[in-house]
C-alpha atoms as a PDB file:
ATOM      1  CA  MET A   1    -116.206 -12.630 -68.308  1.00  0.00           C
ATOM      2  CA  LEU A   2    -112.558 -10.566 -68.190  1.00  0.00           C
ATOM      3  CA  GLU A   3    -112.423 -12.209 -64.730  1.00  0.00           C
ATOM      4  CA  TRP A   4    -112.536 -15.819 -65.962  1.00  0.00           C
ATOM      5  CA  ILE A   5    -110.756 -14.733 -68.859  1.00  0.00           C
ATOM      6  CA  HIS A   6    -107.807 -13.430 -66.567  1.00  0.00           C
ATOM      7  CA  GLN A   7    -108.334 -16.625 -63.964  1.00  0.00           C
ATOM      8  CA  ASN A   8    -107.781 -19.148 -66.823  1.00  0.00           C
ATOM      9  CA  SER A   9    -105.367 -17.245 -68.463  1.00  0.00           C
ATOM     10  CA  THR A  10    -103.120 -21.198 -69.825  1.00  0.00           C
ATOM     11  CA  LEU A  11    -106.384 -22.361 -71.083  1.00  0.00           C
ATOM     12  CA  VAL A  12    -107.022 -19.368 -72.570  1.00  0.00           C
ATOM     13  CA  ASN A  13    -103.899 -19.736 -74.716  1.00  0.00           C
ATOM     14  CA  SER A  14    -103.425 -23.038 -74.959  1.00  0.00           C
ATOM     15  CA  LEU A  15    -107.396 -23.131 -76.947  1.00  0.00           C
ATOM     16  CA  THR A  16    -105.621 -19.589 -79.299  1.00  0.00           C
ATOM     17  CA  SER A  17    -103.104 -21.729 -80.345  1.00  0.00           C
ATOM     18  CA  ILE A  18    -104.469 -24.617 -81.040  1.00  0.00           C
ATOM     19  CA  GLY A  19    -107.190 -22.631 -82.859  1.00  0.00           C
ATOM     20  CA  THR A  20    -103.890 -20.878 -84.721  1.00  0.00           C
ATOM     21  CA  LEU A  21    -102.563 -23.902 -85.590  1.00  0.00           C
ATOM     22  CA  PHE A  22    -105.983 -25.532 -86.934  1.00  0.00           C
ATOM     23  CA  ILE A  23    -106.423 -22.182 -89.930  1.00  0.00           C
ATOM     24  CA  TRP A  24    -102.449 -22.540 -90.768  1.00  0.00           C
ATOM     25  CA  LEU A  25    -103.130 -26.153 -91.856  1.00  0.00           C
ATOM     26  CA  PHE A  26    -106.206 -25.199 -93.786  1.00  0.00           C
ATOM     27  CA  TYR A  27    -104.552 -22.593 -95.403  1.00  0.00           C
ATOM     28  CA  ALA A  28    -101.446 -24.791 -95.997  1.00  0.00           C
ATOM     29  CA  GLN A  29    -103.652 -27.056 -97.615  1.00  0.00           C
ATOM     30  CA  LEU A  30    -105.444 -24.865 -99.658  1.00  0.00           C
ATOM     31  CA  LEU A  31    -102.008 -23.934-100.912  1.00  0.00           C
ATOM     32  CA  TYR A  32    -100.884 -27.559-101.256  1.00  0.00           C
ATOM     33  CA  LEU A  33    -104.243 -28.450-103.277  1.00  0.00           C
ATOM     34  CA  GLY A  34    -103.682 -25.274-105.437  1.00  0.00           C
ATOM     35  CA  PHE A  35    -100.572 -25.885-106.411  1.00  0.00           C
ATOM     36  CA  SER A  36    -101.036 -29.985-106.791  1.00  0.00           C
ATOM     37  CA  ARG A  37    -103.723 -28.933-109.527  1.00  0.00           C
ATOM     38  CA  GLN A  38    -101.505 -26.419-111.424  1.00  0.00           C
ATOM     39  CA  ARG A  39     -99.128 -29.204-111.796  1.00  0.00           C
ATOM     40  CA  ARG A  40    -101.051 -31.929-112.497  1.00  0.00           C
ATOM     41  CA  PRO A  41    -101.066 -32.874-116.042  1.00  0.00           C
ATOM     42  CA  ARG A  42    -104.263 -32.127-118.146  1.00  0.00           C
ATOM     43  CA  MET A  43    -104.550 -34.095-121.245  1.00  0.00           C
ATOM     44  CA  LEU A  44    -107.807 -33.466-123.754  1.00  0.00           C
ATOM     45  CA  ILE A  45    -108.835 -36.308-126.483  1.00  0.00           C
ATOM     46  CA  ASN A  46    -111.748 -34.850-129.232  1.00  0.00           C
ATOM     47  CA  LYS A  47    -112.952 -35.501-132.142  1.00  0.00           C
ATOM     48  CA  GLY A  48    -111.376 -32.558-133.879  1.00  0.00           C
ATOM     49  CA  VAL A  49    -114.371 -31.250-136.548  1.00  0.00           C
ATOM     50  CA  GLY A  50    -117.846 -32.492-134.633  1.00  0.00           C
ATOM     51  CA  HIS A  51    -119.841 -32.764-138.213  1.00  0.00           C
ATOM     52  CA  GLU A  52    -117.483 -34.830-140.006  1.00  0.00           C
ATOM     53  CA  TYR A  53    -118.793 -37.680-137.305  1.00  0.00           C
ATOM     54  CA  ILE A  54    -116.581 -40.570-138.050  1.00  0.00           C
ATOM     55  CA  ASP A  55    -114.200 -39.275-140.819  1.00  0.00           C
ATOM     56  CA  SER A  56    -113.103 -36.154-138.038  1.00  0.00           C
ATOM     57  CA  PRO A  57    -109.622 -36.382-137.120  1.00  0.00           C
ATOM     58  CA  CYS A  58    -108.565 -37.085-133.026  1.00  0.00           C
ATOM     59  CA  LEU A  59    -106.882 -34.277-131.566  1.00  0.00           C
ATOM     60  CA  VAL A  60    -105.353 -34.163-128.276  1.00  0.00           C
ATOM     61  CA  CYS A  61    -104.463 -31.061-126.731  1.00  0.00           C
ATOM     62  CA  ASN A  62    -101.778 -30.578-123.581  1.00  0.00           C
ATOM     63  CA  MET A  63    -103.694 -28.292-121.618  1.00  0.00           C
ATOM     64  CA  SER A  64    -100.978 -28.702-119.115  1.00  0.00           C
ATOM     65  CA  GLN A  65     -98.636 -25.973-117.438  1.00  0.00           C
ATOM     66  CA  GLU A  66     -95.308 -27.721-118.635  1.00  0.00           C
ATOM     67  CA  ALA A  67     -94.532 -29.912-122.271  1.00  0.00           C
ATOM     68  CA  VAL A  68     -95.519 -33.364-122.017  1.00  0.00           C
ATOM     69  CA  PHE A  69     -93.635 -35.965-123.476  1.00  0.00           C
ATOM     70  CA  VAL A  70     -95.864 -38.636-125.851  1.00  0.00           C
ATOM     71  CA  PHE A  71     -94.736 -41.632-125.408  1.00  0.00           C
ATOM     72  CA  PHE A  72     -97.079 -43.967-127.638  1.00  0.00           C
ATOM     73  CA  VAL A  73    -100.515 -43.939-128.630  1.00  0.00           C
ATOM     74  CA  ILE A  74    -102.936 -47.455-127.929  1.00  0.00           C
ATOM     75  CA  VAL A  75    -106.555 -47.699-129.255  1.00  0.00           C
ATOM     76  CA  ARG A  76    -108.773 -50.579-128.649  1.00  0.00           C
ATOM     77  CA  LEU A  77    -111.746 -51.312-130.037  1.00  0.00           C
ATOM     78  CA  LYS A  78    -114.635 -53.444-128.366  1.00  0.00           C
ATOM     79  CA  THR A  79    -115.925 -56.023-131.026  1.00  0.00           C
ATOM     80  CA  SER A  80    -119.112 -59.192-129.964  1.00  0.00           C
ATOM     81  CA  LYS A  81    -116.145 -61.266-130.768  1.00  0.00           C
ATOM     82  CA  GLY A  82    -113.505 -59.657-127.971  1.00  0.00           C
ATOM     83  CA  ILE A  83    -111.341 -56.771-127.970  1.00  0.00           C
ATOM     84  CA  LEU A  84    -109.164 -55.493-130.423  1.00  0.00           C
ATOM     85  CA  THR A  85    -106.128 -53.594-129.917  1.00  0.00           C
ATOM     86  CA  ALA A  86    -103.812 -51.957-131.998  1.00  0.00           C
ATOM     87  CA  PRO A  87    -100.534 -49.057-131.899  1.00  0.00           C
ATOM     88  CA  MET A  88    -101.209 -45.669-133.564  1.00  0.00           C
ATOM     89  CA  THR A  89     -98.058 -44.257-132.898  1.00  0.00           C
ATOM     90  CA  ASP A  90     -96.290 -44.664-136.150  1.00  0.00           C
ATOM     91  CA  ILE A  91     -97.186 -42.802-139.459  1.00  0.00           C
ATOM     92  CA  SER A  92     -97.226 -44.215-142.662  1.00  0.00           C
ATOM     93  CA  PRO A  93     -95.373 -42.918-144.813  1.00  0.00           C
ATOM     94  CA  ARG A  94     -97.013 -41.188-148.519  1.00  0.00           C
ATOM     95  CA  SER A  95     -96.206 -42.222-151.436  1.00  0.00           C
ATOM     96  CA  GLY A  96     -93.180 -41.195-152.871  1.00  0.00           C
ATOM     97  CA  ASP A  97     -91.582 -39.603-150.298  1.00  0.00           C
ATOM     98  CA  GLU A  98     -87.980 -41.726-149.197  1.00  0.00           C
ATOM     99  CA  ASN A  99     -86.892 -39.490-146.051  1.00  0.00           C
ATOM    100  CA  PRO A 100     -89.386 -38.520-144.474  1.00  0.00           C
ATOM    101  CA  ALA A 101     -89.114 -35.876-141.627  1.00  0.00           C
ATOM    102  CA  LEU A 102     -89.159 -37.751-137.822  1.00  0.00           C
ATOM    103  CA  HIS A 103     -92.533 -35.835-136.962  1.00  0.00           C
ATOM    104  CA  GLU A 104     -93.542 -37.149-140.702  1.00  0.00           C
ATOM    105  CA  ARG A 105     -92.897 -41.213-139.150  1.00  0.00           C
ATOM    106  CA  THR A 106     -94.256 -40.659-135.704  1.00  0.00           C
ATOM    107  CA  ARG A 107     -96.337 -39.100-133.171  1.00  0.00           C
ATOM    108  CA  GLN A 108     -94.167 -39.525-130.214  1.00  0.00           C
ATOM    109  CA  GLY A 109     -92.677 -36.395-128.556  1.00  0.00           C
ATOM    110  CA  PRO A 110     -92.569 -33.897-126.653  1.00  0.00           C
ATOM    111  CA  LEU A 111     -95.978 -31.546-126.638  1.00  0.00           C
ATOM    112  CA  ASP A 112     -95.874 -28.288-125.357  1.00  0.00           C
ATOM    113  CA  SER A 113     -98.341 -26.468-122.796  1.00  0.00           C
ATOM    114  CA  GLY A 114    -101.394 -25.633-125.112  1.00  0.00           C
ATOM    115  CA  GLU A 115    -100.817 -27.121-128.412  1.00  0.00           C
ATOM    116  CA  CYS A 116    -102.617 -29.941-130.302  1.00  0.00           C
ATOM    117  CA  MET A 117    -101.378 -33.107-132.095  1.00  0.00           C
ATOM    118  CA  GLU A 118    -103.978 -33.761-134.893  1.00  0.00           C
ATOM    119  CA  PHE A 119    -103.769 -38.003-135.324  1.00  0.00           C
ATOM    120  CA  VAL A 120    -105.991 -40.111-137.679  1.00  0.00           C
ATOM    121  CA  SER A 121    -110.073 -39.903-138.543  1.00  0.00           C
ATOM    122  CA  PHE A 122    -111.827 -42.435-136.378  1.00  0.00           C
ATOM    123  CA  ARG A 123    -112.426 -44.066-139.344  1.00  0.00           C
ATOM    124  CA  ASP A 124    -108.953 -44.980-140.427  1.00  0.00           C
ATOM    125  CA  MET A 125    -108.678 -45.844-136.813  1.00  0.00           C
ATOM    126  CA  ILE A 126    -111.037 -48.209-136.758  1.00  0.00           C
ATOM    127  CA  ALA A 127    -110.063 -49.858-139.863  1.00  0.00           C
ATOM    128  CA  THR A 128    -107.061 -50.129-138.865  1.00  0.00           C
ATOM    129  CA  ILE A 129    -107.316 -52.757-135.429  1.00  0.00           C
ATOM    130  CA  ALA A 130    -109.846 -54.655-138.082  1.00  0.00           C
ATOM    131  CA  GLU A 131    -107.039 -55.049-140.333  1.00  0.00           C
ATOM    132  CA  ARG A 132    -104.597 -56.204-138.187  1.00  0.00           C
ATOM    133  CA  ALA A 133    -107.369 -58.582-137.040  1.00  0.00           C
ATOM    134  CA  GLY A 134    -108.267 -59.750-140.238  1.00  0.00           C
ATOM    135  CA  ILE A 135    -111.770 -58.104-140.163  1.00  0.00           C
ATOM    136  CA  GLU A 136    -113.065 -56.805-143.141  1.00  0.00           C
ATOM    137  CA  THR A 137    -115.054 -53.535-142.881  1.00  0.00           C
ATOM    138  CA  ASP A 138    -116.937 -51.564-145.066  1.00  0.00           C
ATOM    139  CA  ASN A 139    -116.535 -47.423-144.347  1.00  0.00           C
ATOM    140  CA  GLY A 140    -115.645 -48.491-140.795  1.00  0.00           C
ATOM    141  CA  TYR A 141    -118.682 -51.070-141.192  1.00  0.00           C
ATOM    142  CA  PRO A 142    -117.787 -54.512-140.618  1.00  0.00           C
ATOM    143  CA  CYS A 143    -118.657 -56.598-143.880  1.00  0.00           C
ATOM    144  CA  ASP A 144    -119.216 -59.563-141.452  1.00  0.00           C
ATOM    145  CA  PRO A 145    -122.718 -59.333-140.279  1.00  0.00           C
ATOM    146  CA  ASP A 146    -122.332 -61.191-136.801  1.00  0.00           C
ATOM    147  CA  ILE A 147    -119.403 -58.692-135.800  1.00  0.00           C
ATOM    148  CA  GLU A 148    -120.804 -55.697-134.322  1.00  0.00           C
ATOM    149  CA  LEU A 149    -118.867 -53.001-132.998  1.00  0.00           C
ATOM    150  CA  GLU A 150    -119.513 -51.217-129.391  1.00  0.00           C
ATOM    151  CA  TRP A 151    -116.959 -49.239-128.305  1.00  0.00           C
ATOM    152  CA  LEU A 152    -113.167 -47.340-129.629  1.00  0.00           C
ATOM    153  CA  GLU A 153    -110.763 -46.139-126.481  1.00  0.00           C
ATOM    154  CA  ILE A 154    -107.882 -43.858-127.569  1.00  0.00           C
ATOM    155  CA  ASN A 155    -104.915 -44.317-124.632  1.00  0.00           C
ATOM    156  CA  VAL A 156    -102.317 -41.720-124.803  1.00  0.00           C
ATOM    157  CA  VAL A 157     -99.460 -42.635-122.886  1.00  0.00           C
ATOM    158  CA  CYS A 158     -97.529 -40.016-121.685  1.00  0.00           C
ATOM    159  CA  ILE A 159     -94.603 -38.724-119.548  1.00  0.00           C
ATOM    160  CA  TYR A 160     -94.999 -35.031-117.576  1.00  0.00           C
ATOM    161  CA  GLY A 161     -92.392 -32.886-116.799  1.00  0.00           C
ATOM    162  CA  SER A 162     -89.637 -34.478-114.023  1.00  0.00           C
ATOM    163  CA  ASP A 163     -91.948 -36.833-113.381  1.00  0.00           C
ATOM    164  CA  ASP A 164     -90.076 -40.453-113.808  1.00  0.00           C
ATOM    165  CA  LYS A 165     -93.824 -42.123-114.492  1.00  0.00           C
ATOM    166  CA  ALA A 166     -95.615 -42.565-117.087  1.00  0.00           C
ATOM    167  CA  PHE A 167     -99.748 -41.894-117.131  1.00  0.00           C
ATOM    168  CA  GLY A 168    -102.232 -42.339-120.067  1.00  0.00           C
ATOM    169  CA  ALA A 169    -104.759 -39.685-121.504  1.00  0.00           C
ATOM    170  CA  VAL A 170    -107.748 -42.607-122.264  1.00  0.00           C
ATOM    171  CA  ARG A 171    -111.483 -41.508-123.514  1.00  0.00           C
ATOM    172  CA  LYS A 172    -113.936 -44.312-124.964  1.00  0.00           C
ATOM    173  CA  PHE A 173    -116.378 -43.543-127.569  1.00  0.00           C
ATOM    174  CA  ARG A 174    -119.460 -45.529-128.051  1.00  0.00           C
ATOM    175  CA  VAL A 175    -119.789 -46.555-131.954  1.00  0.00           C
ATOM    176  CA  CYS A 176    -122.838 -46.833-132.905  1.00  0.00           C
ATOM    177  CA  ALA A 177    -123.962 -48.314-136.530  1.00  0.00           C
ATOM    178  CA  ASP A 178    -126.926 -47.801-138.309  1.00  0.00           C
ATOM    179  CA  ASP A 179    -127.367 -51.651-140.275  1.00  0.00           C
ATOM    180  CA  ASP A 180    -129.790 -50.028-142.619  1.00  0.00           C
ATOM    181  CA  THR A 181    -127.418 -47.284-143.854  1.00  0.00           C
ATOM    182  CA  ARG A 182    -124.695 -48.482-142.922  1.00  0.00           C
ATOM    183  CA  GLU A 183    -123.008 -45.252-141.519  1.00  0.00           C
ATOM    184  CA  VAL A 184    -121.180 -45.389-138.030  1.00  0.00           C
ATOM    185  CA  GLU A 185    -121.676 -42.060-135.348  1.00  0.00           C
ATOM    186  CA  LEU A 186    -118.944 -42.501-132.258  1.00  0.00           C
ATOM    187  CA  LEU A 187    -120.213 -41.000-129.018  1.00  0.00           C
ATOM    188  CA  PRO A 188    -117.965 -40.363-126.259  1.00  0.00           C
ATOM    189  CA  THR A 189    -118.879 -41.665-122.993  1.00  0.00           C
ATOM    190  CA  SER A 190    -118.071 -39.484-120.609  1.00  0.00           C
ATOM    191  CA  LEU A 191    -117.747 -35.222-120.699  1.00  0.00           C
ATOM    192  CA  ASP A 192    -113.631 -35.540-120.009  1.00  0.00           C
ATOM    193  CA  THR A 193    -110.483 -36.794-120.537  1.00  0.00           C
ATOM    194  CA  SER A 194    -109.694 -39.341-117.727  1.00  0.00           C
ATOM    195  CA  ARG A 195    -106.259 -39.561-116.564  1.00  0.00           C
ATOM    196  CA  ARG A 196    -105.103 -43.106-115.732  1.00  0.00           C
ATOM    197  CA  THR A 197    -101.911 -43.490-112.998  1.00  0.00           C
ATOM    198  CA  SER A 198    -103.319 -46.896-111.215  1.00  0.00           C
ATOM    199  CA  PRO A 199    -100.486 -50.066-110.280  1.00  0.00           C
ATOM    200  CA  ARG A 200    -102.980 -52.191-112.440  1.00  0.00           C
ATOM    201  CA  TYR A 201    -102.920 -49.408-115.427  1.00  0.00           C
ATOM    202  CA  ARG A 202     -99.353 -49.158-115.595  1.00  0.00           C
ATOM    203  CA  ARG A 203     -98.788 -52.837-115.580  1.00  0.00           C
ATOM    204  CA  ARG A 204    -101.010 -52.670-118.962  1.00  0.00           C
ATOM    205  CA  ILE A 205     -98.981 -50.310-120.432  1.00  0.00           C
ATOM    206  CA  LYS A 206     -95.451 -52.036-119.435  1.00  0.00           C
ATOM    207  CA  ARG A 207     -97.559 -54.980-121.419  1.00  0.00           C
ATOM    208  CA  TRP A 208     -97.891 -52.610-124.446  1.00  0.00           C
ATOM    209  CA  LEU A 209     -94.482 -51.698-124.494  1.00  0.00           C
ATOM    210  CA  ARG A 210     -93.220 -55.443-124.586  1.00  0.00           C
ATOM    211  CA  GLU A 211     -95.489 -56.240-127.341  1.00  0.00           C
ATOM    212  CA  TYR A 212     -96.132 -52.969-129.863  1.00  0.00           C
ATOM    213  CA  GLN A 213     -92.602 -51.108-129.211  1.00  0.00           C
END
């Protein structure tokens, strides 16, 4: 065996070099994947107080390593008559407050790592979208029996760190309405919040900017 290795030392050295190269490439890929995972923005959208059901506030949490700038918030509601869309970035001023602070007027702004932002309740979201579309609701339930609610989708458009391209944090909730009790319950369709960065979704962001900004 040793004699064969000595006679084929050139081949053995070449194979050793190639094997070493593959090992370094493997570890380099692991390091890159770990670095990329740490640099990837991660946002969570959830119901803040679960037992309050549709009256639970919507929480948006930044689980990234750096601050995320919340650009705007768009909510979509799928009904039996089509999809309704409305912005939720601005905050309605409180009565009697003539000069509210900036954080009391808009949800736009930076969100530090580990920080959460509280939006309106899911019931208020449904009521706001329905009102913009001329649909009358009673506690989040459409008064028109011909209109059924199917799902509610929350889109938080953000910019992360030095990245110059916006991305969307999206989570969808299925609307379960009881015709007898007229109670509405929201069930998430996924365990996690999805991050949207596709060219198609970014074109949708541009369209929303033209319509709602």
